[in-house]
């Protein structure tokens, strides 16, 4: 009888640094859509990644797809916790206008500004649902799992949020293509 050599298992899970390098810009975009402010979005991602780093070894042993779900959940819970507090630790004195990116046209910049103004007026729950459903392109079930609520709650929050956006003064009369 011949003995078979045990197979060596290669750890294909990404390191924390590899994950951040690969997904950092997508996480920042999601955080920016939630906060509406670039600096707060950076703070949110940095805080969420710090919390994630502390548990990275445990996430590695769950499943390959656990990384995005875990980090997304940390970003959302951190975002919601920040806005439950009365004081956020910062008091901006003036809001700088959004500057168009190189090669960006004024209409696209105005459209982003209008959408962000309308999103900023939504309650946190509706805003989180819309960002996950339509920016992150998650299913209702995935969104419900990320937010820790039912699929029915996701449906109702999305419907209310979209209705509010459709009637938003910053988007009204600008064409239905925004929402």
N, C-alpha and C. Protein backbone atom coordinates (compact mmCIF):
# COMPACT_ATOMS: atom_id res chain seq x y z
N UNK A 1 0.83 -1.18 0.00
CA UNK A 1 0.00 0.00 0.00
C UNK A 1 0.87 1.25 0.00
N UNK A 2 0.50 2.14 -0.82
CA UNK A 2 1.24 3.39 -0.84
C UNK A 2 0.52 4.42 0.02
N UNK A 3 1.30 5.16 0.71
CA UNK A 3 0.72 6.21 1.54
C UNK A 3 0.59 7.49 0.73
N UNK A 4 -0.56 8.11 0.88
CA UNK A 4 -0.76 9.38 0.19
C UNK A 4 -0.23 10.50 1.08
N UNK A 5 0.42 11.41 0.44
CA UNK A 5 0.91 12.57 1.17
C UNK A 5 -0.27 13.48 1.50
N UNK A 6 -0.32 14.02 2.70
CA UNK A 6 -1.39 14.96 3.00
C UNK A 6 -1.27 16.20 2.13
N UNK A 7 -2.42 16.68 1.70
CA UNK A 7 -2.42 17.87 0.87
C UNK A 7 -2.16 19.09 1.74
N UNK A 8 -1.36 19.97 1.23
CA UNK A 8 -1.14 21.21 1.96
C UNK A 8 -2.21 22.20 1.56
N UNK A 9 -2.75 22.85 2.55
CA UNK A 9 -3.80 23.83 2.30
C UNK A 9 -3.14 25.19 2.18
N UNK A 10 -3.39 25.83 1.08
CA UNK A 10 -2.85 27.16 0.85
C UNK A 10 -3.89 28.18 1.29
N UNK A 11 -3.47 29.10 2.13
CA UNK A 11 -4.38 30.14 2.62
C UNK A 11 -4.54 31.19 1.54
N UNK A 12 -5.69 31.17 0.87
CA UNK A 12 -5.93 32.11 -0.23
C UNK A 12 -6.63 33.38 0.25
N UNK A 13 -6.88 33.47 1.54
CA UNK A 13 -7.55 34.64 2.08
C UNK A 13 -6.62 35.85 1.98
N UNK A 14 -7.16 36.99 1.60
CA UNK A 14 -6.31 38.18 1.48
C UNK A 14 -5.86 38.68 2.86
N UNK A 15 -4.72 39.29 2.88
CA UNK A 15 -4.30 39.94 4.11
C UNK A 15 -5.13 41.20 4.27
N UNK A 16 -5.11 41.75 5.46
CA UNK A 16 -5.86 42.98 5.72
C UNK A 16 -5.39 44.09 4.78
N UNK A 17 -4.09 44.20 4.62
CA UNK A 17 -3.53 45.25 3.75
C UNK A 17 -3.98 45.05 2.30
N UNK A 18 -3.97 43.81 1.81
CA UNK A 18 -4.42 43.54 0.45
C UNK A 18 -5.89 43.92 0.28
N UNK A 19 -6.70 43.57 1.27
CA UNK A 19 -8.13 43.89 1.21
C UNK A 19 -8.34 45.40 1.15
N UNK A 20 -7.66 46.14 2.01
CA UNK A 20 -7.82 47.60 2.05
C UNK A 20 -7.36 48.21 0.74
N UNK A 21 -6.25 47.73 0.19
CA UNK A 21 -5.76 48.25 -1.09
C UNK A 21 -6.75 47.99 -2.22
N UNK A 22 -7.37 46.81 -2.21
CA UNK A 22 -8.30 46.44 -3.28
C UNK A 22 -9.66 47.11 -3.13
N UNK A 23 -10.16 47.28 -1.91
CA UNK A 23 -11.53 47.74 -1.70
C UNK A 23 -11.63 49.13 -1.09
N UNK A 24 -10.51 49.76 -0.76
CA UNK A 24 -10.52 51.04 -0.06
C UNK A 24 -11.32 52.13 -0.76
N UNK A 25 -11.14 52.27 -2.06
CA UNK A 25 -11.85 53.35 -2.77
C UNK A 25 -13.35 53.08 -2.82
N UNK A 26 -13.76 51.83 -2.97
CA UNK A 26 -15.19 51.50 -2.96
C UNK A 26 -15.80 51.75 -1.59
N UNK A 27 -15.06 51.43 -0.53
CA UNK A 27 -15.55 51.70 0.83
C UNK A 27 -15.69 53.20 1.06
N UNK A 28 -14.74 53.98 0.55
CA UNK A 28 -14.80 55.43 0.70
C UNK A 28 -15.99 56.02 -0.04
N UNK A 29 -16.30 55.50 -1.23
CA UNK A 29 -17.47 55.98 -1.98
C UNK A 29 -18.75 55.70 -1.22
N UNK A 30 -18.86 54.50 -0.65
CA UNK A 30 -20.05 54.16 0.13
C UNK A 30 -20.16 55.08 1.33
N UNK A 31 -19.07 55.30 2.03
CA UNK A 31 -19.08 56.17 3.21
C UNK A 31 -19.42 57.60 2.82
N UNK A 32 -18.94 58.05 1.68
CA UNK A 32 -19.24 59.41 1.23
C UNK A 32 -20.74 59.56 0.93
N UNK A 33 -21.33 58.55 0.32
CA UNK A 33 -22.75 58.60 0.06
C UNK A 33 -23.56 58.62 1.36
N UNK A 34 -23.07 57.94 2.37
CA UNK A 34 -23.76 57.94 3.66
C UNK A 34 -23.61 59.27 4.38
N UNK A 35 -22.41 59.82 4.39
CA UNK A 35 -22.16 61.03 5.18
C UNK A 35 -22.37 62.32 4.40
N UNK A 36 -22.13 62.28 3.09
CA UNK A 36 -22.25 63.49 2.29
C UNK A 36 -21.07 64.43 2.46
N UNK A 37 -20.03 63.99 3.13
CA UNK A 37 -18.88 64.84 3.40
C UNK A 37 -17.61 63.99 3.25
N UNK A 38 -16.67 64.46 2.46
CA UNK A 38 -15.48 63.66 2.17
C UNK A 38 -14.65 63.38 3.42
N UNK A 39 -14.44 64.40 4.27
CA UNK A 39 -13.63 64.19 5.46
C UNK A 39 -14.31 63.23 6.45
N UNK A 40 -15.60 63.38 6.62
CA UNK A 40 -16.32 62.45 7.51
C UNK A 40 -16.32 61.04 6.93
N UNK A 41 -16.40 60.95 5.61
CA UNK A 41 -16.35 59.63 4.97
C UNK A 41 -15.00 58.97 5.24
N UNK A 42 -13.92 59.75 5.11
CA UNK A 42 -12.60 59.20 5.40
C UNK A 42 -12.51 58.76 6.86
N UNK A 43 -13.03 59.58 7.78
CA UNK A 43 -13.03 59.21 9.19
C UNK A 43 -13.84 57.95 9.43
N UNK A 44 -14.99 57.84 8.77
CA UNK A 44 -15.85 56.68 8.92
C UNK A 44 -15.15 55.41 8.45
N UNK A 45 -14.52 55.47 7.28
CA UNK A 45 -13.82 54.30 6.76
C UNK A 45 -12.64 53.94 7.66
N UNK A 46 -11.90 54.94 8.10
CA UNK A 46 -10.75 54.68 8.96
C UNK A 46 -11.21 54.03 10.28
N UNK A 47 -12.26 54.53 10.88
CA UNK A 47 -12.77 53.96 12.12
C UNK A 47 -13.26 52.54 11.90
N UNK A 48 -14.01 52.34 10.81
CA UNK A 48 -14.54 51.00 10.52
C UNK A 48 -13.42 50.01 10.24
N UNK A 49 -12.40 50.43 9.50
CA UNK A 49 -11.28 49.53 9.22
C UNK A 49 -10.47 49.23 10.47
N UNK A 50 -10.36 50.18 11.36
CA UNK A 50 -9.68 49.92 12.64
C UNK A 50 -10.44 48.86 13.43
N UNK A 51 -11.75 48.98 13.48
CA UNK A 51 -12.57 47.98 14.18
C UNK A 51 -12.46 46.62 13.48
N UNK A 52 -12.40 46.63 12.17
CA UNK A 52 -12.31 45.39 11.41
C UNK A 52 -10.96 44.72 11.62
N UNK A 53 -9.90 45.51 11.62
CA UNK A 53 -8.56 44.97 11.78
C UNK A 53 -8.43 44.16 13.07
N UNK A 54 -9.11 44.61 14.13
CA UNK A 54 -9.04 43.91 15.41
C UNK A 54 -9.62 42.50 15.33
N UNK A 55 -10.50 42.25 14.36
CA UNK A 55 -11.17 40.95 14.24
C UNK A 55 -10.84 40.24 12.93
N UNK A 56 -9.81 40.69 12.22
CA UNK A 56 -9.51 40.16 10.89
C UNK A 56 -9.29 38.65 10.90
N UNK A 57 -8.58 38.13 11.87
CA UNK A 57 -8.30 36.69 11.92
C UNK A 57 -9.59 35.89 12.05
N UNK A 58 -10.54 36.38 12.79
CA UNK A 58 -11.81 35.67 12.95
C UNK A 58 -12.63 35.71 11.66
N UNK A 59 -12.59 36.82 10.96
CA UNK A 59 -13.33 36.94 9.70
C UNK A 59 -12.73 35.99 8.67
N UNK A 60 -11.42 35.84 8.66
CA UNK A 60 -10.73 34.97 7.70
C UNK A 60 -11.21 33.54 7.78
N UNK A 61 -11.66 33.11 8.94
CA UNK A 61 -12.06 31.72 9.12
C UNK A 61 -13.54 31.49 8.86
N UNK A 62 -14.30 32.54 8.62
CA UNK A 62 -15.73 32.38 8.38
C UNK A 62 -16.00 31.91 6.95
N UNK A 63 -15.70 32.72 5.97
CA UNK A 63 -15.89 32.36 4.57
C UNK A 63 -15.22 33.41 3.69
N UNK A 64 -15.05 33.07 2.43
CA UNK A 64 -14.39 33.99 1.51
C UNK A 64 -15.17 35.28 1.32
N UNK A 65 -16.49 35.20 1.27
CA UNK A 65 -17.31 36.38 1.03
C UNK A 65 -17.63 37.18 2.27
N UNK A 66 -17.07 36.80 3.41
CA UNK A 66 -17.40 37.45 4.67
C UNK A 66 -16.78 38.83 4.79
N UNK A 67 -15.72 39.11 4.06
CA UNK A 67 -15.01 40.37 4.23
C UNK A 67 -15.89 41.57 3.93
N UNK A 68 -16.44 41.62 2.72
CA UNK A 68 -17.26 42.77 2.34
C UNK A 68 -18.47 42.92 3.26
N UNK A 69 -19.13 41.84 3.56
CA UNK A 69 -20.31 41.90 4.42
C UNK A 69 -19.94 42.42 5.81
N UNK A 70 -18.84 41.93 6.36
CA UNK A 70 -18.42 42.36 7.69
C UNK A 70 -18.05 43.84 7.70
N UNK A 71 -17.22 44.25 6.76
CA UNK A 71 -16.77 45.65 6.72
C UNK A 71 -17.96 46.58 6.46
N UNK A 72 -18.84 46.19 5.55
CA UNK A 72 -20.03 47.00 5.26
C UNK A 72 -20.87 47.16 6.52
N UNK A 73 -21.03 46.08 7.27
CA UNK A 73 -21.83 46.13 8.50
C UNK A 73 -21.18 47.07 9.53
N UNK A 74 -19.86 47.01 9.65
CA UNK A 74 -19.14 47.89 10.58
C UNK A 74 -19.29 49.35 10.16
N UNK A 75 -19.19 49.62 8.86
CA UNK A 75 -19.37 50.99 8.38
C UNK A 75 -20.77 51.49 8.72
N UNK A 76 -21.77 50.67 8.46
CA UNK A 76 -23.14 51.09 8.73
C UNK A 76 -23.41 51.30 10.21
N UNK A 77 -22.98 50.37 11.05
CA UNK A 77 -23.24 50.54 12.48
C UNK A 77 -22.47 51.72 13.05
N UNK A 78 -21.26 51.94 12.56
CA UNK A 78 -20.49 53.11 13.01
C UNK A 78 -21.17 54.40 12.55
N UNK A 79 -21.61 54.44 11.30
CA UNK A 79 -22.32 55.61 10.78
C UNK A 79 -23.55 55.91 11.60
N UNK A 80 -24.36 54.90 11.86
CA UNK A 80 -25.58 55.11 12.63
C UNK A 80 -25.27 55.53 14.07
N UNK A 81 -24.23 54.96 14.66
CA UNK A 81 -23.86 55.32 16.03
C UNK A 81 -23.36 56.76 16.10
N UNK A 82 -22.62 57.20 15.11
CA UNK A 82 -22.11 58.58 15.12
C UNK A 82 -23.26 59.58 15.13
N UNK A 83 -24.30 59.32 14.38
CA UNK A 83 -25.36 60.30 14.28
C UNK A 83 -26.41 60.15 15.37
N UNK A 84 -26.25 59.15 16.22
CA UNK A 84 -27.11 59.05 17.40
C UNK A 84 -26.59 59.96 18.51
N UNK A 85 -25.29 60.23 18.47
CA UNK A 85 -24.70 61.10 19.49
C UNK A 85 -25.10 62.54 19.21
N UNK A 86 -25.16 63.33 20.25
CA UNK A 86 -25.53 64.74 20.09
C UNK A 86 -24.41 65.56 19.46
N UNK A 87 -23.19 65.28 19.82
CA UNK A 87 -22.06 66.05 19.34
C UNK A 87 -21.14 65.14 18.57
N UNK A 88 -20.74 65.51 17.39
CA UNK A 88 -19.89 64.66 16.56
C UNK A 88 -18.41 64.97 16.73
N UNK A 89 -18.06 65.96 17.54
CA UNK A 89 -16.65 66.25 17.77
C UNK A 89 -16.07 67.26 16.81
N UNK A 90 -16.81 67.65 15.81
CA UNK A 90 -16.34 68.64 14.86
C UNK A 90 -17.43 69.67 14.62
N UNK A 91 -17.01 70.90 14.44
CA UNK A 91 -17.95 71.97 14.15
C UNK A 91 -17.45 72.75 12.94
N UNK A 92 -17.85 72.35 11.75
CA UNK A 92 -17.37 73.08 10.57
C UNK A 92 -17.92 74.50 10.58
N UNK A 93 -17.10 75.43 10.11
CA UNK A 93 -17.51 76.83 10.12
C UNK A 93 -18.08 77.27 8.78
N UNK A 94 -17.70 76.59 7.74
CA UNK A 94 -18.23 76.94 6.42
C UNK A 94 -18.18 75.69 5.54
N UNK A 95 -19.11 75.62 4.63
CA UNK A 95 -19.13 74.46 3.73
C UNK A 95 -18.52 74.88 2.40
N UNK A 96 -17.50 74.16 2.00
CA UNK A 96 -16.85 74.45 0.73
C UNK A 96 -17.68 73.87 -0.40
N UNK A 97 -17.81 74.57 -1.49
CA UNK A 97 -18.56 74.02 -2.62
C UNK A 97 -17.80 72.87 -3.25
N UNK A 98 -18.54 71.94 -3.82
CA UNK A 98 -17.90 70.82 -4.50
C UNK A 98 -17.17 71.35 -5.73
N UNK A 99 -15.93 70.96 -5.87
CA UNK A 99 -15.15 71.39 -7.01
C UNK A 99 -15.24 70.33 -8.10
N UNK A 100 -15.45 70.73 -9.33
CA UNK A 100 -15.52 69.74 -10.40
C UNK A 100 -14.17 69.06 -10.59
N UNK A 101 -14.22 67.77 -10.85
CA UNK A 101 -13.01 67.02 -11.13
C UNK A 101 -12.49 67.42 -12.51
N UNK A 102 -11.23 67.12 -12.74
CA UNK A 102 -10.64 67.46 -14.03
C UNK A 102 -11.40 66.75 -15.15
N UNK A 103 -11.81 67.49 -16.15
CA UNK A 103 -12.56 66.91 -17.27
C UNK A 103 -14.04 66.74 -16.96
N UNK A 104 -14.47 67.14 -15.78
CA UNK A 104 -15.87 67.00 -15.38
C UNK A 104 -16.64 68.22 -15.89
N UNK A 105 -17.85 67.99 -16.31
CA UNK A 105 -18.62 69.14 -16.77
C UNK A 105 -19.50 69.68 -15.63
N UNK A 106 -19.96 70.88 -15.80
CA UNK A 106 -20.72 71.55 -14.75
C UNK A 106 -22.06 70.87 -14.49
N UNK A 107 -22.66 70.31 -15.51
CA UNK A 107 -23.96 69.65 -15.33
C UNK A 107 -23.85 68.42 -14.44
N UNK A 108 -22.80 67.64 -14.64
CA UNK A 108 -22.60 66.45 -13.81
C UNK A 108 -22.32 66.84 -12.36
N UNK A 109 -21.55 67.90 -12.17
CA UNK A 109 -21.26 68.38 -10.83
C UNK A 109 -22.54 68.88 -10.16
N UNK A 110 -23.34 69.61 -10.90
CA UNK A 110 -24.60 70.10 -10.36
C UNK A 110 -25.54 68.95 -10.02
N UNK A 111 -25.56 67.93 -10.85
CA UNK A 111 -26.40 66.77 -10.59
C UNK A 111 -25.98 66.06 -9.31
N UNK A 112 -24.67 65.85 -9.14
CA UNK A 112 -24.17 65.21 -7.90
C UNK A 112 -24.53 66.05 -6.69
N UNK A 113 -24.36 67.35 -6.78
CA UNK A 113 -24.69 68.25 -5.67
C UNK A 113 -26.17 68.16 -5.33
N UNK A 114 -27.03 68.15 -6.35
CA UNK A 114 -28.47 68.08 -6.12
C UNK A 114 -28.88 66.75 -5.47
N UNK A 115 -28.30 65.67 -5.95
CA UNK A 115 -28.62 64.35 -5.38
C UNK A 115 -28.12 64.28 -3.93
N UNK A 116 -26.90 64.78 -3.67
CA UNK A 116 -26.37 64.75 -2.30
C UNK A 116 -27.19 65.64 -1.37
N UNK A 117 -27.68 66.76 -1.86
CA UNK A 117 -28.54 67.63 -1.05
C UNK A 117 -29.82 66.90 -0.69
N UNK A 118 -30.41 66.22 -1.67
CA UNK A 118 -31.64 65.47 -1.41
C UNK A 118 -31.38 64.29 -0.47
N UNK A 119 -30.27 63.57 -0.67
CA UNK A 119 -29.94 62.44 0.21
C UNK A 119 -29.71 62.90 1.64
N UNK A 120 -29.11 64.06 1.81
CA UNK A 120 -28.80 64.58 3.14
C UNK A 120 -30.06 64.83 3.96
N UNK A 121 -31.18 65.04 3.30
CA UNK A 121 -32.43 65.33 4.01
C UNK A 121 -33.19 64.07 4.39
N UNK A 122 -32.73 62.91 3.93
CA UNK A 122 -33.40 61.65 4.27
C UNK A 122 -33.01 61.21 5.68
N UNK A 123 -33.91 60.50 6.35
CA UNK A 123 -33.52 59.89 7.63
C UNK A 123 -32.40 58.88 7.39
N UNK A 124 -31.58 58.63 8.42
CA UNK A 124 -30.41 57.76 8.29
C UNK A 124 -30.76 56.38 7.75
N UNK A 125 -31.86 55.80 8.23
CA UNK A 125 -32.25 54.46 7.80
C UNK A 125 -32.57 54.40 6.32
N UNK A 126 -33.35 55.37 5.84
CA UNK A 126 -33.70 55.41 4.42
C UNK A 126 -32.45 55.64 3.57
N UNK A 127 -31.60 56.51 4.03
CA UNK A 127 -30.38 56.80 3.29
C UNK A 127 -29.50 55.56 3.20
N UNK A 128 -29.35 54.85 4.31
CA UNK A 128 -28.54 53.63 4.32
C UNK A 128 -29.12 52.58 3.37
N UNK A 129 -30.45 52.42 3.38
CA UNK A 129 -31.09 51.45 2.49
C UNK A 129 -30.85 51.83 1.03
N UNK A 130 -31.03 53.09 0.68
CA UNK A 130 -30.85 53.51 -0.72
C UNK A 130 -29.40 53.35 -1.17
N UNK A 131 -28.45 53.67 -0.30
CA UNK A 131 -27.04 53.51 -0.67
C UNK A 131 -26.73 52.04 -0.91
N UNK A 132 -27.19 51.17 -0.01
CA UNK A 132 -26.89 49.74 -0.18
C UNK A 132 -27.62 49.13 -1.37
N UNK A 133 -28.88 49.48 -1.55
CA UNK A 133 -29.66 48.88 -2.63
C UNK A 133 -29.23 49.38 -4.00
N UNK A 134 -29.02 50.68 -4.15
CA UNK A 134 -28.83 51.24 -5.48
C UNK A 134 -27.39 51.64 -5.79
N UNK A 135 -26.57 51.89 -4.80
CA UNK A 135 -25.16 52.15 -5.08
C UNK A 135 -24.35 50.87 -4.96
N UNK A 136 -24.52 50.17 -3.84
CA UNK A 136 -23.80 48.90 -3.64
C UNK A 136 -24.43 47.77 -4.44
N UNK A 137 -25.64 47.98 -4.97
CA UNK A 137 -26.36 47.00 -5.79
C UNK A 137 -26.59 45.68 -5.04
N UNK A 138 -26.96 45.80 -3.76
CA UNK A 138 -27.28 44.62 -2.97
C UNK A 138 -28.74 44.24 -3.17
N UNK A 139 -29.04 42.98 -2.97
CA UNK A 139 -30.43 42.53 -3.03
C UNK A 139 -31.13 42.99 -1.76
N UNK A 140 -32.45 42.84 -1.75
CA UNK A 140 -33.20 43.20 -0.53
C UNK A 140 -32.74 42.35 0.64
N UNK A 141 -32.51 41.07 0.41
CA UNK A 141 -32.08 40.17 1.48
C UNK A 141 -30.69 40.56 2.00
N UNK A 142 -29.77 40.88 1.09
CA UNK A 142 -28.43 41.29 1.52
C UNK A 142 -28.47 42.61 2.28
N UNK A 143 -29.31 43.53 1.83
CA UNK A 143 -29.45 44.81 2.51
C UNK A 143 -30.04 44.60 3.90
N UNK A 144 -31.06 43.76 3.99
CA UNK A 144 -31.68 43.46 5.29
C UNK A 144 -30.65 42.84 6.23
N UNK A 145 -29.85 41.93 5.71
CA UNK A 145 -28.82 41.29 6.53
C UNK A 145 -27.79 42.31 7.00
N UNK A 146 -27.37 43.20 6.11
CA UNK A 146 -26.37 44.20 6.47
C UNK A 146 -26.89 45.17 7.53
N UNK A 147 -28.17 45.49 7.46
CA UNK A 147 -28.76 46.44 8.40
C UNK A 147 -29.37 45.77 9.62
N UNK A 148 -29.47 44.44 9.59
CA UNK A 148 -30.05 43.73 10.72
C UNK A 148 -31.54 43.95 10.85
N UNK A 149 -32.23 43.99 9.72
CA UNK A 149 -33.68 44.20 9.73
C UNK A 149 -34.32 43.22 8.74
N UNK A 150 -35.63 43.30 8.59
CA UNK A 150 -36.32 42.39 7.68
C UNK A 150 -36.31 42.94 6.25
N UNK A 151 -36.57 42.05 5.30
CA UNK A 151 -36.66 42.47 3.89
C UNK A 151 -37.83 43.43 3.70
N UNK A 152 -38.90 43.25 4.46
CA UNK A 152 -40.04 44.15 4.39
C UNK A 152 -39.67 45.57 4.81
N UNK A 153 -38.82 45.68 5.83
CA UNK A 153 -38.35 47.00 6.27
C UNK A 153 -37.52 47.64 5.17
N UNK A 154 -36.69 46.85 4.52
CA UNK A 154 -35.87 47.37 3.42
C UNK A 154 -36.78 47.89 2.31
N UNK A 155 -37.81 47.11 1.95
CA UNK A 155 -38.73 47.53 0.89
C UNK A 155 -39.44 48.83 1.25
N UNK A 156 -39.95 48.92 2.48
CA UNK A 156 -40.69 50.12 2.87
C UNK A 156 -39.77 51.34 2.98
N UNK A 157 -38.55 51.14 3.53
CA UNK A 157 -37.62 52.26 3.64
C UNK A 157 -37.17 52.73 2.25
N UNK A 158 -36.96 51.79 1.34
CA UNK A 158 -36.56 52.16 -0.03
C UNK A 158 -37.70 52.92 -0.72
N UNK A 159 -38.92 52.43 -0.56
CA UNK A 159 -40.06 53.10 -1.20
C UNK A 159 -40.24 54.51 -0.65
N UNK A 160 -40.15 54.66 0.66
CA UNK A 160 -40.29 55.99 1.28
C UNK A 160 -39.16 56.91 0.85
N UNK A 161 -37.94 56.37 0.86
CA UNK A 161 -36.79 57.18 0.47
C UNK A 161 -36.86 57.65 -0.97
N UNK A 162 -37.24 56.75 -1.87
CA UNK A 162 -37.37 57.13 -3.29
C UNK A 162 -38.50 58.14 -3.48
N UNK A 163 -39.60 57.96 -2.76
CA UNK A 163 -40.71 58.92 -2.86
C UNK A 163 -40.27 60.30 -2.38
N UNK A 164 -39.51 60.33 -1.31
CA UNK A 164 -39.00 61.60 -0.79
C UNK A 164 -38.05 62.24 -1.79
N UNK A 165 -37.17 61.44 -2.39
CA UNK A 165 -36.24 61.99 -3.38
C UNK A 165 -36.99 62.53 -4.59
N UNK A 166 -38.03 61.81 -5.01
CA UNK A 166 -38.78 62.26 -6.19
C UNK A 166 -39.49 63.59 -5.96
N UNK A 167 -39.84 63.87 -4.70
CA UNK A 167 -40.53 65.12 -4.40
C UNK A 167 -39.59 66.17 -3.81
N UNK A 168 -38.31 65.88 -3.79
CA UNK A 168 -37.34 66.79 -3.21
C UNK A 168 -37.23 68.07 -4.03
N UNK A 169 -37.25 69.24 -3.36
CA UNK A 169 -37.11 70.51 -4.08
C UNK A 169 -35.79 70.61 -4.85
N UNK A 170 -34.74 69.97 -4.36
CA UNK A 170 -33.45 70.07 -5.06
C UNK A 170 -33.44 69.24 -6.35
N UNK A 171 -34.41 68.31 -6.48
CA UNK A 171 -34.48 67.48 -7.69
C UNK A 171 -35.70 67.77 -8.53
N UNK A 172 -36.70 68.42 -7.97
CA UNK A 172 -37.93 68.70 -8.69
C UNK A 172 -37.66 69.62 -9.87
N UNK A 173 -38.25 69.26 -10.99
CA UNK A 173 -38.13 70.10 -12.18
C UNK A 173 -36.82 69.92 -12.91
N UNK A 174 -35.99 69.03 -12.43
CA UNK A 174 -34.69 68.82 -13.09
C UNK A 174 -34.71 67.58 -13.93
N UNK A 175 -35.84 66.93 -14.00
CA UNK A 175 -35.93 65.71 -14.80
C UNK A 175 -35.97 64.50 -13.91
N UNK A 176 -36.74 63.51 -14.28
CA UNK A 176 -36.92 62.30 -13.49
C UNK A 176 -35.73 61.36 -13.62
N UNK A 177 -34.75 61.71 -14.46
CA UNK A 177 -33.61 60.80 -14.64
C UNK A 177 -32.70 60.74 -13.42
N UNK A 178 -32.83 61.65 -12.47
CA UNK A 178 -32.02 61.61 -11.26
C UNK A 178 -32.39 60.41 -10.39
N UNK A 179 -33.68 60.17 -10.22
CA UNK A 179 -34.14 59.17 -9.28
C UNK A 179 -34.87 58.08 -9.99
